[in-house]
Amino acid sequence: MDLSKALEGGPILKKAKTEKLDEAVYLWFKQQRTQGIPISGNILKEKALLLSQKLNENESFSASQGWLEKFKKRHGIRQLAIYCR
């Protein structure tokens, strides 16, 4: 845990159990958002499952709703409505 954040009054976030997968999913997410592509929670979970298989990570990984919420919290991702004019 990051004690400097605790001392500053910031949130203490655990590292992901599958750090390589977490980094890969977040990199993919940033690339998509840079291109202006909106990513829903379901799309993010599907990509995480595919990357988990490619990386031969944890066979029991299921990209659950709990995983998604923790992933978004770790990376400061908020779901905002995108309106087109």
N, C-alpha and C. Protein backbone atom coordinates (compact mmCIF):
# COMPACT_ATOMS: atom_id res chain seq x y z
N MET A 1 0.83 -1.18 0.00
CA MET A 1 0.00 0.00 0.00
C MET A 1 0.88 1.24 0.00
N ASP A 2 0.35 2.33 -0.52
CA ASP A 2 1.10 3.55 -0.65
C ASP A 2 0.89 4.41 0.60
N LEU A 3 1.89 4.41 1.50
CA LEU A 3 1.76 5.15 2.74
C LEU A 3 1.80 6.64 2.52
N SER A 4 2.49 7.12 1.49
CA SER A 4 2.54 8.56 1.25
C SER A 4 1.14 9.10 0.95
N LYS A 5 0.33 8.33 0.24
CA LYS A 5 -1.05 8.76 -0.04
C LYS A 5 -1.86 8.78 1.25
N ALA A 6 -1.63 7.80 2.11
CA ALA A 6 -2.37 7.75 3.38
C ALA A 6 -2.04 8.96 4.23
N LEU A 7 -0.76 9.32 4.25
CA LEU A 7 -0.35 10.46 5.05
C LEU A 7 -0.90 11.77 4.48
N GLU A 8 -1.10 11.83 3.18
CA GLU A 8 -1.64 13.02 2.54
C GLU A 8 -3.17 13.04 2.60
N GLY A 9 -3.77 11.98 3.10
CA GLY A 9 -5.22 11.91 3.18
C GLY A 9 -5.86 11.38 1.91
N GLY A 10 -5.06 10.87 0.97
CA GLY A 10 -5.58 10.32 -0.28
C GLY A 10 -5.99 8.87 -0.11
N PRO A 11 -6.68 8.34 -1.10
CA PRO A 11 -7.12 6.95 -1.00
C PRO A 11 -5.95 5.98 -1.13
N ILE A 12 -6.05 4.88 -0.44
CA ILE A 12 -5.06 3.81 -0.55
C ILE A 12 -5.70 2.73 -1.40
N LEU A 13 -5.10 2.47 -2.54
CA LEU A 13 -5.65 1.47 -3.44
C LEU A 13 -4.71 0.29 -3.54
N LYS A 14 -5.27 -0.91 -3.42
CA LYS A 14 -4.46 -2.12 -3.58
C LYS A 14 -4.06 -2.25 -5.03
N LYS A 15 -2.94 -2.93 -5.24
CA LYS A 15 -2.53 -3.25 -6.60
C LYS A 15 -3.43 -4.36 -7.11
N ALA A 16 -3.54 -4.43 -8.42
CA ALA A 16 -4.33 -5.49 -9.04
C ALA A 16 -3.65 -6.83 -8.81
N LYS A 17 -4.45 -7.88 -8.68
CA LYS A 17 -3.89 -9.23 -8.52
C LYS A 17 -3.15 -9.65 -9.78
N THR A 18 -3.61 -9.18 -10.91
CA THR A 18 -2.96 -9.51 -12.18
C THR A 18 -2.46 -8.20 -12.78
N GLU A 19 -1.29 -7.77 -12.34
CA GLU A 19 -0.77 -6.46 -12.73
C GLU A 19 -0.52 -6.33 -14.23
N LYS A 20 0.03 -7.38 -14.86
CA LYS A 20 0.28 -7.30 -16.31
C LYS A 20 -1.03 -7.08 -17.06
N LEU A 21 -2.05 -7.81 -16.66
CA LEU A 21 -3.35 -7.67 -17.30
C LEU A 21 -3.91 -6.28 -17.06
N ASP A 22 -3.82 -5.81 -15.84
CA ASP A 22 -4.32 -4.48 -15.49
C ASP A 22 -3.65 -3.41 -16.36
N GLU A 23 -2.32 -3.50 -16.50
CA GLU A 23 -1.58 -2.53 -17.30
C GLU A 23 -1.97 -2.62 -18.77
N ALA A 24 -2.15 -3.84 -19.28
CA ALA A 24 -2.51 -4.02 -20.68
C ALA A 24 -3.90 -3.47 -20.98
N VAL A 25 -4.85 -3.72 -20.09
CA VAL A 25 -6.21 -3.23 -20.28
C VAL A 25 -6.22 -1.71 -20.22
N TYR A 26 -5.49 -1.14 -19.27
CA TYR A 26 -5.47 0.31 -19.14
C TYR A 26 -4.80 0.97 -20.35
N LEU A 27 -3.74 0.38 -20.87
CA LEU A 27 -3.08 0.91 -22.07
C LEU A 27 -4.05 0.89 -23.25
N TRP A 28 -4.75 -0.23 -23.44
CA TRP A 28 -5.74 -0.34 -24.51
C TRP A 28 -6.83 0.71 -24.33
N PHE A 29 -7.30 0.87 -23.10
CA PHE A 29 -8.35 1.85 -22.81
C PHE A 29 -7.89 3.26 -23.18
N LYS A 30 -6.67 3.63 -22.78
CA LYS A 30 -6.15 4.96 -23.10
C LYS A 30 -6.03 5.17 -24.60
N GLN A 31 -5.59 4.14 -25.33
CA GLN A 31 -5.46 4.24 -26.78
C GLN A 31 -6.83 4.49 -27.42
N GLN A 32 -7.83 3.78 -26.96
CA GLN A 32 -9.18 3.94 -27.52
C GLN A 32 -9.73 5.33 -27.22
N ARG A 33 -9.55 5.80 -26.01
CA ARG A 33 -10.06 7.12 -25.62
C ARG A 33 -9.32 8.24 -26.35
N THR A 34 -8.03 8.05 -26.62
CA THR A 34 -7.27 9.03 -27.38
C THR A 34 -7.86 9.19 -28.78
N GLN A 35 -8.38 8.11 -29.32
CA GLN A 35 -9.01 8.14 -30.65
C GLN A 35 -10.46 8.61 -30.58
N GLY A 36 -10.94 8.92 -29.38
CA GLY A 36 -12.30 9.41 -29.22
C GLY A 36 -13.35 8.32 -29.21
N ILE A 37 -12.92 7.08 -29.02
CA ILE A 37 -13.85 5.95 -29.02
C ILE A 37 -14.41 5.76 -27.61
N PRO A 38 -15.72 5.85 -27.44
CA PRO A 38 -16.30 5.61 -26.12
C PRO A 38 -16.23 4.13 -25.76
N ILE A 39 -15.89 3.84 -24.53
CA ILE A 39 -15.75 2.46 -24.08
C ILE A 39 -16.70 2.22 -22.92
N SER A 40 -17.63 1.31 -23.11
CA SER A 40 -18.57 0.97 -22.04
C SER A 40 -17.92 -0.04 -21.09
N GLY A 41 -18.56 -0.25 -19.96
CA GLY A 41 -18.08 -1.23 -19.01
C GLY A 41 -18.04 -2.63 -19.61
N ASN A 42 -19.06 -2.97 -20.39
CA ASN A 42 -19.11 -4.30 -21.01
C ASN A 42 -17.99 -4.50 -22.02
N ILE A 43 -17.69 -3.47 -22.79
CA ILE A 43 -16.59 -3.56 -23.76
C ILE A 43 -15.27 -3.74 -23.02
N LEU A 44 -15.10 -3.00 -21.94
CA LEU A 44 -13.88 -3.09 -21.13
C LEU A 44 -13.72 -4.50 -20.55
N LYS A 45 -14.81 -5.07 -20.06
CA LYS A 45 -14.75 -6.42 -19.51
C LYS A 45 -14.43 -7.45 -20.59
N GLU A 46 -15.02 -7.30 -21.77
CA GLU A 46 -14.73 -8.23 -22.87
C GLU A 46 -13.26 -8.17 -23.26
N LYS A 47 -12.72 -6.96 -23.36
CA LYS A 47 -11.32 -6.80 -23.74
C LYS A 47 -10.42 -7.40 -22.66
N ALA A 48 -10.79 -7.22 -21.40
CA ALA A 48 -9.99 -7.79 -20.30
C ALA A 48 -9.96 -9.31 -20.39
N LEU A 49 -11.08 -9.92 -20.72
CA LEU A 49 -11.12 -11.38 -20.87
C LEU A 49 -10.22 -11.84 -22.01
N LEU A 50 -10.28 -11.14 -23.15
CA LEU A 50 -9.44 -11.49 -24.29
C LEU A 50 -7.96 -11.34 -23.96
N LEU A 51 -7.61 -10.21 -23.32
CA LEU A 51 -6.21 -9.99 -22.98
C LEU A 51 -5.73 -10.98 -21.92
N SER A 52 -6.62 -11.37 -21.02
CA SER A 52 -6.27 -12.36 -20.00
C SER A 52 -5.88 -13.67 -20.66
N GLN A 53 -6.64 -14.08 -21.68
CA GLN A 53 -6.33 -15.32 -22.40
C GLN A 53 -5.02 -15.19 -23.16
N LYS A 54 -4.81 -14.05 -23.82
CA LYS A 54 -3.58 -13.85 -24.59
C LYS A 54 -2.35 -13.83 -23.70
N LEU A 55 -2.48 -13.24 -22.50
CA LEU A 55 -1.35 -13.14 -21.58
C LEU A 55 -1.18 -14.39 -20.73
N ASN A 56 -2.10 -15.36 -20.89
CA ASN A 56 -2.09 -16.57 -20.06
C ASN A 56 -2.03 -16.20 -18.58
N GLU A 57 -2.84 -15.22 -18.22
CA GLU A 57 -2.88 -14.78 -16.82
C GLU A 57 -3.64 -15.81 -15.99
N ASN A 58 -4.46 -15.36 -15.15
CA ASN A 58 -5.21 -16.18 -14.22
C ASN A 58 -6.37 -16.87 -14.94
N GLU A 59 -6.38 -18.20 -14.97
CA GLU A 59 -7.42 -18.94 -15.67
C GLU A 59 -8.80 -18.72 -15.05
N SER A 60 -8.85 -18.35 -13.79
CA SER A 60 -10.13 -18.14 -13.13
C SER A 60 -10.61 -16.69 -13.24
N PHE A 61 -9.88 -15.85 -13.97
CA PHE A 61 -10.27 -14.45 -14.14
C PHE A 61 -11.60 -14.39 -14.89
N SER A 62 -12.54 -13.59 -14.37
CA SER A 62 -13.87 -13.57 -14.99
C SER A 62 -14.33 -12.17 -15.41
N ALA A 63 -13.52 -11.14 -15.18
CA ALA A 63 -13.91 -9.77 -15.53
C ALA A 63 -15.30 -9.46 -14.97
N SER A 64 -15.46 -9.69 -13.70
CA SER A 64 -16.76 -9.48 -13.04
C SER A 64 -17.05 -7.98 -12.89
N GLN A 65 -18.25 -7.69 -12.46
CA GLN A 65 -18.62 -6.30 -12.21
C GLN A 65 -17.76 -5.72 -11.09
N GLY A 66 -17.43 -6.54 -10.10
CA GLY A 66 -16.54 -6.10 -9.02
C GLY A 66 -15.16 -5.76 -9.54
N TRP A 67 -14.63 -6.59 -10.46
CA TRP A 67 -13.33 -6.29 -11.07
C TRP A 67 -13.39 -4.96 -11.80
N LEU A 68 -14.48 -4.74 -12.56
CA LEU A 68 -14.63 -3.51 -13.33
C LEU A 68 -14.63 -2.29 -12.41
N GLU A 69 -15.40 -2.36 -11.35
CA GLU A 69 -15.48 -1.22 -10.42
C GLU A 69 -14.12 -0.91 -9.81
N LYS A 70 -13.39 -1.95 -9.40
CA LYS A 70 -12.05 -1.75 -8.82
C LYS A 70 -11.08 -1.22 -9.86
N PHE A 71 -11.15 -1.73 -11.08
CA PHE A 71 -10.29 -1.26 -12.17
C PHE A 71 -10.52 0.23 -12.41
N LYS A 72 -11.79 0.62 -12.50
CA LYS A 72 -12.12 2.03 -12.74
C LYS A 72 -11.65 2.90 -11.58
N LYS A 73 -11.79 2.41 -10.37
CA LYS A 73 -11.36 3.18 -9.20
C LYS A 73 -9.84 3.34 -9.18
N ARG A 74 -9.11 2.24 -9.48
CA ARG A 74 -7.64 2.29 -9.51
C ARG A 74 -7.12 3.32 -10.50
N HIS A 75 -7.82 3.45 -11.61
CA HIS A 75 -7.34 4.31 -12.69
C HIS A 75 -8.10 5.63 -12.81
N GLY A 76 -9.00 5.90 -11.88
CA GLY A 76 -9.73 7.16 -11.89
C GLY A 76 -10.63 7.32 -13.10
N ILE A 77 -11.22 6.22 -13.54
CA ILE A 77 -12.10 6.25 -14.71
C ILE A 77 -13.53 6.47 -14.25
N ARG A 78 -14.15 7.48 -14.82
CA ARG A 78 -15.55 7.76 -14.51
C ARG A 78 -16.36 7.57 -15.78
N GLN A 79 -17.58 7.16 -15.62
CA GLN A 79 -18.45 7.01 -16.78
C GLN A 79 -19.25 8.29 -16.93
N LEU A 80 -19.02 8.96 -18.02
CA LEU A 80 -19.73 10.20 -18.31
C LEU A 80 -20.50 10.03 -19.59
N ALA A 81 -21.63 10.73 -19.67
CA ALA A 81 -22.43 10.68 -20.89
C ALA A 81 -21.71 11.50 -21.96
N ILE A 82 -21.72 11.00 -23.18
CA ILE A 82 -21.11 11.71 -24.30
C ILE A 82 -22.25 12.10 -25.24
N TYR A 83 -22.40 13.39 -25.44
CA TYR A 83 -23.48 13.88 -26.28
C TYR A 83 -22.90 14.37 -27.60
N CYS A 84 -23.58 14.05 -28.68
CA CYS A 84 -23.19 14.54 -30.00
C CYS A 84 -24.15 15.65 -30.40
N ARG A 85 -23.64 16.65 -31.03
CA ARG A 85 -24.50 17.74 -31.50
C ARG A 85 -24.76 17.62 -32.97
